[in-house]
Amino acid sequence: MADLNLATKLIDQYFTEIARSYCNKDLDSIIGHYNRDSSLLFWNAEGDTITSIDQLTLWYEELFRLFDIKSVNFRVEEVYADESTIVSGSLWVLSTLRKLGEEELEEEQSLRATHLLKQHNGRWFISHLHVSPTHFLPD
């Protein structure tokens, strides 16, 4: 996959599918993009470190319990590719609705994400994901 244009198209396709799955709370679709082997690593600015599909499933279940995701927009900032790896840096904005007792709070969450995809049996899967709110980034 050393072809950068092809890698960029693949990333765009993956992210479009994932964005749609967030809005539909389609956990199976989201989890289907992740590598199920022992190299899985997901972590975020809140300190969650996830190394298995079971942990990742629980994390997404909690996310969907807390938030209705109304829309997801992303912008791919950079892509690197070689024969067996694709790395992408991207910015995401999620428009969410959170229930706080009787009250509903609309929020926009801006995130910076780094995805690492590895090829396995002819398919590309997310092996590593790091996500941080952009307000944690230096000016």
Protein backbone atom coordinates (compact mmCIF):
# COMPACT_ATOMS: atom_id res chain seq x y z
CA MET A 1 0.00 0.00 0.00
CA ALA A 2 2.85 2.39 -0.67
CA ASP A 3 0.48 4.30 -2.97
CA LEU A 4 -0.38 7.40 -0.91
CA ASN A 5 -3.47 8.26 -2.98
CA LEU A 6 -4.89 4.78 -2.47
CA ALA A 7 -4.10 4.91 1.26
CA THR A 8 -5.83 8.30 1.54
CA LYS A 9 -8.94 6.94 -0.22
CA LEU A 10 -8.99 3.94 2.13
CA ILE A 11 -8.73 6.21 5.19
CA ASP A 12 -11.52 8.43 3.89
CA GLN A 13 -13.73 5.38 3.28
CA TYR A 14 -13.01 3.96 6.76
CA PHE A 15 -13.66 7.27 8.48
CA THR A 16 -16.89 7.84 6.55
CA GLU A 17 -18.12 4.40 7.63
CA ILE A 18 -17.06 5.00 11.24
CA ALA A 19 -18.72 8.44 11.33
CA ARG A 20 -21.98 6.93 10.08
CA SER A 21 -21.70 4.12 12.62
CA TYR A 22 -21.23 6.62 15.48
CA CYS A 23 -24.46 8.39 14.55
CA ASN A 24 -26.31 5.06 14.26
CA LYS A 25 -24.72 3.62 17.41
CA ASP A 26 -23.69 0.66 15.25
CA LEU A 27 -21.19 -0.97 17.57
CA ASP A 28 -20.61 -4.04 15.37
CA SER A 29 -19.61 -1.87 12.43
CA ILE A 30 -17.19 0.20 14.52
CA ILE A 31 -15.59 -2.83 16.19
CA GLY A 32 -15.28 -4.50 12.78
CA HIS A 33 -12.66 -1.92 11.80
CA TYR A 34 -10.32 -2.93 14.65
CA ASN A 35 -7.65 -5.60 14.67
CA ARG A 36 -8.61 -8.42 17.04
CA ASP A 37 -5.06 -9.60 17.69
CA SER A 38 -2.84 -8.84 20.65
CA SER A 39 -1.33 -5.68 19.10
CA LEU A 40 -4.51 -3.61 19.60
CA LEU A 41 -3.90 -0.38 21.51
CA PHE A 42 -6.46 2.39 22.04
CA TRP A 43 -5.85 5.29 24.39
CA ASN A 44 -7.08 8.80 24.99
CA ALA A 45 -6.38 11.96 26.96
CA GLU A 46 -8.68 10.77 29.77
CA GLY A 47 -6.21 7.98 30.51
CA ASP A 48 -8.13 5.02 29.10
CA THR A 49 -5.76 2.35 27.78
CA ILE A 50 -7.52 -0.44 25.94
CA THR A 51 -5.78 -3.54 24.60
CA SER A 52 -8.62 -5.95 23.77
CA ILE A 53 -11.79 -5.99 21.70
CA ASP A 54 -13.82 -6.78 24.85
CA GLN A 55 -12.49 -3.65 26.61
CA LEU A 56 -13.04 -1.60 23.46
CA THR A 57 -16.64 -2.84 23.16
CA LEU A 58 -17.34 -1.80 26.77
CA TRP A 59 -15.79 1.63 26.14
CA TYR A 60 -18.00 2.24 23.09
CA GLU A 61 -21.09 0.94 24.91
CA GLU A 62 -20.46 3.53 27.65
CA LEU A 63 -19.90 6.27 25.07
CA PHE A 64 -23.23 5.45 23.41
CA ARG A 65 -24.98 5.28 26.77
CA LEU A 66 -23.79 8.79 27.66
CA PHE A 67 -24.15 10.48 24.28
CA ASP A 68 -26.35 10.59 21.23
CA ILE A 69 -24.05 11.56 18.40
CA LYS A 70 -25.98 13.77 15.98
CA SER A 71 -23.25 14.37 13.41
CA VAL A 72 -19.59 13.62 12.83
CA ASN A 73 -17.25 15.60 10.62
CA PHE A 74 -13.61 14.77 10.04
CA ARG A 75 -10.69 16.17 8.11
CA VAL A 76 -7.67 14.05 7.27
CA GLU A 77 -4.58 16.14 7.92
CA GLU A 78 -1.83 13.70 6.98
CA VAL A 79 -1.33 10.16 5.73
CA TYR A 80 1.78 7.98 5.66
CA ALA A 81 1.81 4.57 3.99
CA ASP A 82 4.21 1.75 3.32
CA GLU A 83 3.54 -1.83 2.24
CA SER A 84 2.07 -2.98 5.56
CA THR A 85 1.13 0.18 7.49
CA ILE A 86 -1.03 3.26 7.09
CA VAL A 87 -0.82 6.11 9.62
CA SER A 88 -3.27 8.99 9.61
CA GLY A 89 -3.55 12.20 11.60
CA SER A 90 -7.03 13.73 11.53
CA LEU A 91 -9.32 16.25 13.17
CA TRP A 92 -12.87 15.29 14.19
CA VAL A 93 -15.88 17.29 15.38
CA LEU A 94 -18.74 15.39 16.97
CA SER A 95 -22.05 17.15 17.65
CA THR A 96 -23.50 15.35 20.64
CA LEU A 97 -26.52 15.36 22.89
CA ARG A 98 -25.96 14.32 26.49
CA LYS A 99 -28.75 13.68 28.99
CA LEU A 100 -28.18 15.12 32.45
CA GLY A 101 -31.19 13.99 34.45
CA GLU A 102 -34.18 15.83 32.96
CA GLU A 103 -31.92 18.16 30.98
CA GLU A 104 -30.30 17.60 27.59
CA LEU A 105 -27.00 19.29 26.80
CA GLU A 106 -25.86 19.84 23.21
CA GLU A 107 -22.08 19.88 22.81
CA GLU A 108 -19.48 19.95 20.09
CA GLN A 109 -16.45 17.84 20.80
CA SER A 110 -13.31 18.58 18.81
CA LEU A 111 -10.75 15.80 18.71
CA ARG A 112 -7.34 15.09 17.24
CA ALA A 113 -6.85 11.43 16.28
CA THR A 114 -3.94 9.31 15.15
CA HIS A 115 -4.87 6.00 13.56
CA LEU A 116 -2.44 3.21 12.68
CA LEU A 117 -3.79 0.55 10.33
CA LYS A 118 -2.12 -2.78 9.59
CA GLN A 119 -2.99 -5.25 6.88
CA HIS A 120 -4.19 -8.70 7.99
CA ASN A 121 -5.39 -11.41 5.58
CA GLY A 122 -5.77 -8.86 2.79
CA ARG A 123 -7.84 -6.38 4.86
CA TRP A 124 -6.84 -3.24 6.71
CA PHE A 125 -7.66 -2.92 10.41
CA ILE A 126 -7.06 -0.28 13.06
CA SER A 127 -4.28 -1.54 15.33
CA HIS A 128 -3.69 1.65 17.26
CA LEU A 129 -5.79 4.74 17.96
CA HIS A 130 -4.97 7.74 20.09
CA VAL A 131 -7.56 10.48 20.61
CA SER A 132 -7.17 13.82 22.42
CA PRO A 133 -9.54 16.76 22.73
CA THR A 134 -8.08 19.64 20.74
CA HIS A 135 -8.26 21.95 23.75
CA PHE A 136 -5.36 19.88 25.15
CA LEU A 137 -3.18 20.77 22.17
CA PRO A 138 -0.65 23.59 22.56
CA ASP A 139 -1.38 26.85 20.74
